[in-house]
Amino acid sequence: MSHKVLIADDEPNIVVSLEFLMKREGHQVLVARSGVEALETIRRERPSLVLLDVMMPGKSGFEVCQAVRADETLAGVKILMLTAKGRDTDVSQGLGVGADGYMTKPFSIKDLAARVREMLAA
């Protein structure tokens, strides 16, 4: 089943590889390159899953996640944080603002694909 997946990351190389992977997995892909754009896209498109970077211009991934979780109409949107910020405090903060999952960069494409399948099946 095809799902709408939003890739919210300001690093072009990461966006290209994630976009390729998600399309290969059969998903419809949306891209946002800033936190503000990510939030606007989430509200407009209602993706099934957001692959959300923490460090982005405009709003951080933490702020985007918090705004999505504060909006009851977006309750069904799953959020997977993908970030280089891998300290325990960062992971706790990400999960604390409502992320459904947290993966640190660099990550294995195979592991990410499996995690996405798992999250979309739940």
N, C-alpha and C. Protein backbone atom coordinates (compact mmCIF):
# COMPACT_ATOMS: atom_id res chain seq x y z
N MET A 1 0.84 -1.19 0.00
CA MET A 1 0.00 0.00 0.00
C MET A 1 0.88 1.24 0.00
N SER A 2 0.54 2.19 -0.84
CA SER A 2 1.32 3.42 -0.94
C SER A 2 0.91 4.40 0.15
N HIS A 3 1.89 4.94 0.82
CA HIS A 3 1.65 5.96 1.84
C HIS A 3 2.30 7.26 1.41
N LYS A 4 1.81 8.36 1.96
CA LYS A 4 2.42 9.66 1.73
C LYS A 4 3.48 9.85 2.81
N VAL A 5 4.73 10.06 2.39
CA VAL A 5 5.83 10.24 3.33
C VAL A 5 6.47 11.60 3.07
N LEU A 6 6.60 12.40 4.13
CA LEU A 6 7.26 13.70 4.03
C LEU A 6 8.69 13.58 4.53
N ILE A 7 9.64 14.01 3.71
CA ILE A 7 11.04 14.08 4.11
C ILE A 7 11.32 15.54 4.45
N ALA A 8 11.60 15.80 5.72
CA ALA A 8 11.86 17.17 6.17
C ALA A 8 13.32 17.25 6.60
N ASP A 9 14.15 17.75 5.68
CA ASP A 9 15.60 17.83 5.92
C ASP A 9 16.16 18.91 5.02
N ASP A 10 17.13 19.66 5.52
CA ASP A 10 17.72 20.73 4.71
C ASP A 10 19.01 20.32 4.02
N GLU A 11 19.43 19.07 4.17
CA GLU A 11 20.66 18.58 3.55
C GLU A 11 20.31 17.87 2.23
N PRO A 12 20.65 18.49 1.08
CA PRO A 12 20.24 17.94 -0.23
C PRO A 12 20.63 16.48 -0.46
N ASN A 13 21.83 16.07 -0.05
CA ASN A 13 22.25 14.69 -0.28
C ASN A 13 21.39 13.69 0.47
N ILE A 14 20.99 14.05 1.67
CA ILE A 14 20.14 13.17 2.47
C ILE A 14 18.75 13.11 1.85
N VAL A 15 18.23 14.26 1.42
CA VAL A 15 16.90 14.29 0.80
C VAL A 15 16.88 13.38 -0.43
N VAL A 16 17.91 13.48 -1.28
CA VAL A 16 17.95 12.66 -2.50
C VAL A 16 17.95 11.17 -2.17
N SER A 17 18.78 10.76 -1.21
CA SER A 17 18.85 9.32 -0.90
C SER A 17 17.58 8.83 -0.22
N LEU A 18 16.99 9.64 0.67
CA LEU A 18 15.74 9.24 1.32
C LEU A 18 14.59 9.19 0.32
N GLU A 19 14.58 10.17 -0.59
CA GLU A 19 13.52 10.21 -1.61
C GLU A 19 13.59 8.96 -2.49
N PHE A 20 14.80 8.59 -2.90
CA PHE A 20 14.98 7.39 -3.71
C PHE A 20 14.49 6.16 -2.96
N LEU A 21 14.89 6.03 -1.70
CA LEU A 21 14.51 4.88 -0.88
C LEU A 21 13.00 4.79 -0.71
N MET A 22 12.37 5.90 -0.36
CA MET A 22 10.93 5.88 -0.11
C MET A 22 10.14 5.59 -1.39
N LYS A 23 10.60 6.13 -2.52
CA LYS A 23 9.92 5.83 -3.79
C LYS A 23 10.10 4.36 -4.15
N ARG A 24 11.29 3.82 -3.89
CA ARG A 24 11.55 2.41 -4.16
C ARG A 24 10.65 1.52 -3.30
N GLU A 25 10.33 2.00 -2.11
CA GLU A 25 9.44 1.26 -1.21
C GLU A 25 7.97 1.44 -1.62
N GLY A 26 7.74 2.27 -2.64
CA GLY A 26 6.38 2.43 -3.16
C GLY A 26 5.57 3.57 -2.57
N HIS A 27 6.23 4.51 -1.91
CA HIS A 27 5.52 5.61 -1.26
C HIS A 27 5.50 6.86 -2.12
N GLN A 28 4.49 7.68 -1.90
CA GLN A 28 4.42 9.00 -2.50
C GLN A 28 5.27 9.91 -1.62
N VAL A 29 6.20 10.65 -2.22
CA VAL A 29 7.17 11.43 -1.43
C VAL A 29 6.93 12.93 -1.55
N LEU A 30 6.94 13.59 -0.40
CA LEU A 30 6.88 15.04 -0.31
C LEU A 30 8.19 15.48 0.33
N VAL A 31 8.64 16.70 0.01
CA VAL A 31 9.90 17.19 0.58
C VAL A 31 9.70 18.59 1.15
N ALA A 32 10.28 18.83 2.33
CA ALA A 32 10.32 20.15 2.95
C ALA A 32 11.76 20.40 3.38
N ARG A 33 12.25 21.60 3.12
CA ARG A 33 13.65 21.90 3.43
C ARG A 33 13.84 22.85 4.62
N SER A 34 12.76 23.14 5.33
CA SER A 34 12.85 23.95 6.56
C SER A 34 11.75 23.49 7.50
N GLY A 35 11.89 23.86 8.75
CA GLY A 35 10.87 23.49 9.73
C GLY A 35 9.52 24.11 9.43
N VAL A 36 9.54 25.37 8.99
CA VAL A 36 8.30 26.08 8.67
C VAL A 36 7.61 25.39 7.49
N GLU A 37 8.38 25.09 6.46
CA GLU A 37 7.83 24.40 5.29
C GLU A 37 7.31 23.01 5.67
N ALA A 38 7.99 22.33 6.55
CA ALA A 38 7.56 21.00 7.00
C ALA A 38 6.19 21.09 7.67
N LEU A 39 6.03 22.05 8.56
CA LEU A 39 4.77 22.19 9.28
C LEU A 39 3.63 22.54 8.32
N GLU A 40 3.89 23.45 7.38
CA GLU A 40 2.87 23.82 6.38
C GLU A 40 2.48 22.60 5.55
N THR A 41 3.48 21.81 5.13
CA THR A 41 3.21 20.62 4.31
C THR A 41 2.43 19.57 5.09
N ILE A 42 2.77 19.37 6.34
CA ILE A 42 2.06 18.40 7.18
C ILE A 42 0.59 18.81 7.30
N ARG A 43 0.34 20.08 7.55
CA ARG A 43 -1.04 20.55 7.70
C ARG A 43 -1.83 20.43 6.40
N ARG A 44 -1.17 20.70 5.29
CA ARG A 44 -1.84 20.68 3.98
C ARG A 44 -2.02 19.27 3.44
N GLU A 45 -0.98 18.43 3.55
CA GLU A 45 -0.97 17.12 2.88
C GLU A 45 -1.34 15.93 3.77
N ARG A 46 -1.25 16.10 5.09
CA ARG A 46 -1.54 15.01 6.03
C ARG A 46 -0.80 13.71 5.68
N PRO A 47 0.54 13.74 5.68
CA PRO A 47 1.28 12.51 5.35
C PRO A 47 1.08 11.44 6.42
N SER A 48 1.28 10.19 6.03
CA SER A 48 1.20 9.08 6.99
C SER A 48 2.40 9.11 7.93
N LEU A 49 3.56 9.52 7.37
CA LEU A 49 4.82 9.50 8.11
C LEU A 49 5.67 10.69 7.74
N VAL A 50 6.35 11.26 8.74
CA VAL A 50 7.31 12.34 8.51
C VAL A 50 8.68 11.86 8.97
N LEU A 51 9.66 11.93 8.05
CA LEU A 51 11.06 11.68 8.40
C LEU A 51 11.62 13.06 8.70
N LEU A 52 11.83 13.36 9.97
CA LEU A 52 12.06 14.72 10.43
C LEU A 52 13.46 14.93 11.00
N ASP A 53 14.21 15.82 10.37
CA ASP A 53 15.53 16.20 10.88
C ASP A 53 15.33 17.15 12.06
N VAL A 54 16.25 17.15 13.01
CA VAL A 54 16.15 18.05 14.16
C VAL A 54 16.66 19.44 13.81
N MET A 55 17.84 19.51 13.17
CA MET A 55 18.47 20.80 12.92
C MET A 55 18.11 21.31 11.52
N MET A 56 17.12 22.21 11.49
CA MET A 56 16.68 22.80 10.23
C MET A 56 16.46 24.30 10.42
N PRO A 57 16.52 25.05 9.31
CA PRO A 57 16.25 26.49 9.42
C PRO A 57 14.77 26.75 9.72
N GLY A 58 14.50 27.89 10.34
CA GLY A 58 13.11 28.29 10.61
C GLY A 58 12.61 27.75 11.94
N LYS A 59 12.33 26.47 11.97
CA LYS A 59 11.90 25.78 13.20
C LYS A 59 12.70 24.49 13.29
N SER A 60 13.05 24.11 14.51
CA SER A 60 13.76 22.84 14.68
C SER A 60 12.76 21.69 14.53
N GLY A 61 13.28 20.49 14.32
CA GLY A 61 12.42 19.32 14.27
C GLY A 61 11.65 19.12 15.56
N PHE A 62 12.27 19.48 16.69
CA PHE A 62 11.58 19.38 17.97
C PHE A 62 10.35 20.29 17.98
N GLU A 63 10.53 21.54 17.48
CA GLU A 63 9.42 22.49 17.44
C GLU A 63 8.31 22.02 16.49
N VAL A 64 8.71 21.46 15.35
CA VAL A 64 7.73 20.95 14.39
C VAL A 64 6.93 19.81 15.03
N CYS A 65 7.63 18.89 15.64
CA CYS A 65 6.99 17.75 16.28
C CYS A 65 6.01 18.21 17.36
N GLN A 66 6.43 19.15 18.16
CA GLN A 66 5.60 19.67 19.24
C GLN A 66 4.32 20.32 18.66
N ALA A 67 4.47 21.08 17.57
CA ALA A 67 3.32 21.74 16.95
C ALA A 67 2.35 20.71 16.36
N VAL A 68 2.89 19.65 15.75
CA VAL A 68 2.04 18.60 15.18
C VAL A 68 1.27 17.90 16.30
N ARG A 69 1.95 17.59 17.38
CA ARG A 69 1.30 16.88 18.50
C ARG A 69 0.27 17.76 19.22
N ALA A 70 0.42 19.08 19.13
CA ALA A 70 -0.53 20.00 19.76
C ALA A 70 -1.81 20.15 18.92
N ASP A 71 -1.79 19.70 17.67
CA ASP A 71 -2.92 19.83 16.75
C ASP A 71 -3.65 18.49 16.66
N GLU A 72 -4.81 18.40 17.27
CA GLU A 72 -5.56 17.13 17.32
C GLU A 72 -5.90 16.59 15.94
N THR A 73 -6.04 17.48 14.95
CA THR A 73 -6.39 17.03 13.60
C THR A 73 -5.24 16.28 12.93
N LEU A 74 -4.04 16.38 13.52
CA LEU A 74 -2.86 15.71 12.95
C LEU A 74 -2.45 14.48 13.77
N ALA A 75 -3.34 14.01 14.61
CA ALA A 75 -3.02 12.91 15.53
C ALA A 75 -2.54 11.64 14.82
N GLY A 76 -2.98 11.41 13.59
CA GLY A 76 -2.61 10.19 12.89
C GLY A 76 -1.26 10.23 12.20
N VAL A 77 -0.61 11.40 12.19
CA VAL A 77 0.69 11.54 11.52
C VAL A 77 1.78 10.95 12.40
N LYS A 78 2.52 9.97 11.87
CA LYS A 78 3.64 9.37 12.60
C LYS A 78 4.91 10.18 12.30
N ILE A 79 5.76 10.31 13.30
CA ILE A 79 6.99 11.10 13.14
C ILE A 79 8.19 10.26 13.56
N LEU A 80 9.15 10.14 12.62
CA LEU A 80 10.42 9.48 12.90
C LEU A 80 11.51 10.54 12.80
N MET A 81 12.15 10.84 13.92
CA MET A 81 13.25 11.81 13.92
C MET A 81 14.49 11.14 13.34
N LEU A 82 15.12 11.80 12.38
CA LEU A 82 16.38 11.34 11.79
C LEU A 82 17.38 12.45 12.01
N THR A 83 18.37 12.23 12.84
CA THR A 83 19.25 13.33 13.20
C THR A 83 20.64 12.88 13.62
N ALA A 84 21.57 13.80 13.51
CA ALA A 84 22.93 13.54 13.97
C ALA A 84 23.01 13.72 15.49
N LYS A 85 21.97 14.30 16.08
CA LYS A 85 21.95 14.54 17.53
C LYS A 85 21.56 13.25 18.25
N GLY A 86 22.58 12.50 18.68
CA GLY A 86 22.32 11.18 19.22
C GLY A 86 22.55 11.00 20.70
N ARG A 87 22.81 12.09 21.41
CA ARG A 87 23.00 11.95 22.86
C ARG A 87 21.68 11.52 23.51
N ASP A 88 21.77 10.89 24.66
CA ASP A 88 20.57 10.42 25.37
C ASP A 88 19.58 11.56 25.61
N THR A 89 20.10 12.75 25.92
CA THR A 89 19.21 13.89 26.18
C THR A 89 18.45 14.29 24.91
N ASP A 90 19.12 14.18 23.74
CA ASP A 90 18.45 14.51 22.47
C ASP A 90 17.34 13.51 22.17
N VAL A 91 17.65 12.23 22.37
CA VAL A 91 16.66 11.18 22.13
C VAL A 91 15.47 11.39 23.07
N SER A 92 15.75 11.65 24.34
CA SER A 92 14.69 11.89 25.33
C SER A 92 13.84 13.10 24.93
N GLN A 93 14.49 14.14 24.46
CA GLN A 93 13.76 15.34 24.06
C GLN A 93 12.86 15.03 22.86
N GLY A 94 13.39 14.30 21.88
CA GLY A 94 12.61 13.95 20.69
C GLY A 94 11.39 13.12 21.04
N LEU A 95 11.59 12.12 21.87
CA LEU A 95 10.46 11.27 22.27
C LEU A 95 9.52 12.05 23.20
N GLY A 96 10.11 12.97 23.97
CA GLY A 96 9.32 13.78 24.90
C GLY A 96 8.37 14.74 24.21
N VAL A 97 8.73 15.23 23.03
CA VAL A 97 7.84 16.13 22.29
C VAL A 97 6.87 15.37 21.41
N GLY A 98 6.94 14.03 21.45
CA GLY A 98 5.94 13.24 20.76
C GLY A 98 6.37 12.46 19.54
N ALA A 99 7.67 12.38 19.27
CA ALA A 99 8.12 11.58 18.12
C ALA A 99 7.79 10.11 18.37
N ASP A 100 7.42 9.41 17.30
CA ASP A 100 7.10 7.98 17.42
C ASP A 100 8.36 7.12 17.38
N GLY A 101 9.45 7.68 16.85
CA GLY A 101 10.71 6.97 16.77
C GLY A 101 11.86 7.93 16.59
N TYR A 102 13.10 7.43 16.77
CA TYR A 102 14.28 8.29 16.73
C TYR A 102 15.44 7.48 16.18
N MET A 103 16.02 7.90 15.08
CA MET A 103 17.21 7.24 14.52
C MET A 103 18.31 8.27 14.34
N THR A 104 19.54 7.88 14.68
CA THR A 104 20.65 8.81 14.53
C THR A 104 21.38 8.58 13.21
N LYS A 105 21.88 9.69 12.65
CA LYS A 105 22.69 9.65 11.43
C LYS A 105 24.12 9.38 11.85
N PRO A 106 24.90 8.66 11.09
CA PRO A 106 24.47 7.95 9.89
C PRO A 106 23.69 6.70 10.27
N PHE A 107 22.75 6.33 9.41
CA PHE A 107 21.93 5.14 9.67
C PHE A 107 22.00 4.24 8.45
N SER A 108 21.69 2.99 8.66
CA SER A 108 21.67 2.02 7.58
C SER A 108 20.36 2.17 6.81
N ILE A 109 20.44 2.23 5.49
CA ILE A 109 19.26 2.33 4.64
C ILE A 109 18.33 1.14 4.89
N LYS A 110 18.92 -0.02 5.06
CA LYS A 110 18.14 -1.24 5.32
C LYS A 110 17.36 -1.10 6.64
N ASP A 111 18.04 -0.61 7.68
CA ASP A 111 17.39 -0.43 8.97
C ASP A 111 16.27 0.62 8.89
N LEU A 112 16.54 1.70 8.14
CA LEU A 112 15.54 2.75 8.00
C LEU A 112 14.31 2.21 7.26
N ALA A 113 14.52 1.49 6.17
CA ALA A 113 13.41 0.93 5.40
C ALA A 113 12.57 0.01 6.28
N ALA A 114 13.22 -0.81 7.09
CA ALA A 114 12.51 -1.73 7.99
C ALA A 114 11.71 -0.94 9.03
N ARG A 115 12.32 0.09 9.56
CA ARG A 115 11.65 0.92 10.58
C ARG A 115 10.43 1.62 10.00
N VAL A 116 10.55 2.13 8.77
CA VAL A 116 9.44 2.80 8.10
C VAL A 116 8.30 1.81 7.87
N ARG A 117 8.63 0.62 7.38
CA ARG A 117 7.60 -0.41 7.15
C ARG A 117 6.88 -0.74 8.45
N GLU A 118 7.65 -0.88 9.52
CA GLU A 118 7.11 -1.21 10.83
C GLU A 118 6.16 -0.10 11.33
N MET A 119 6.59 1.16 11.18
CA MET A 119 5.79 2.28 11.65
C MET A 119 4.51 2.45 10.84
N LEU A 120 4.59 2.21 9.55
CA LEU A 120 3.40 2.37 8.69
C LEU A 120 2.43 1.21 8.85
N ALA A 121 2.92 0.09 9.33
CA ALA A 121 2.04 -1.08 9.54
C ALA A 121 1.28 -0.97 10.85
N ALA A 122 1.81 -0.19 11.77
CA ALA A 122 1.18 -0.08 13.11
C ALA A 122 -0.11 0.73 13.08
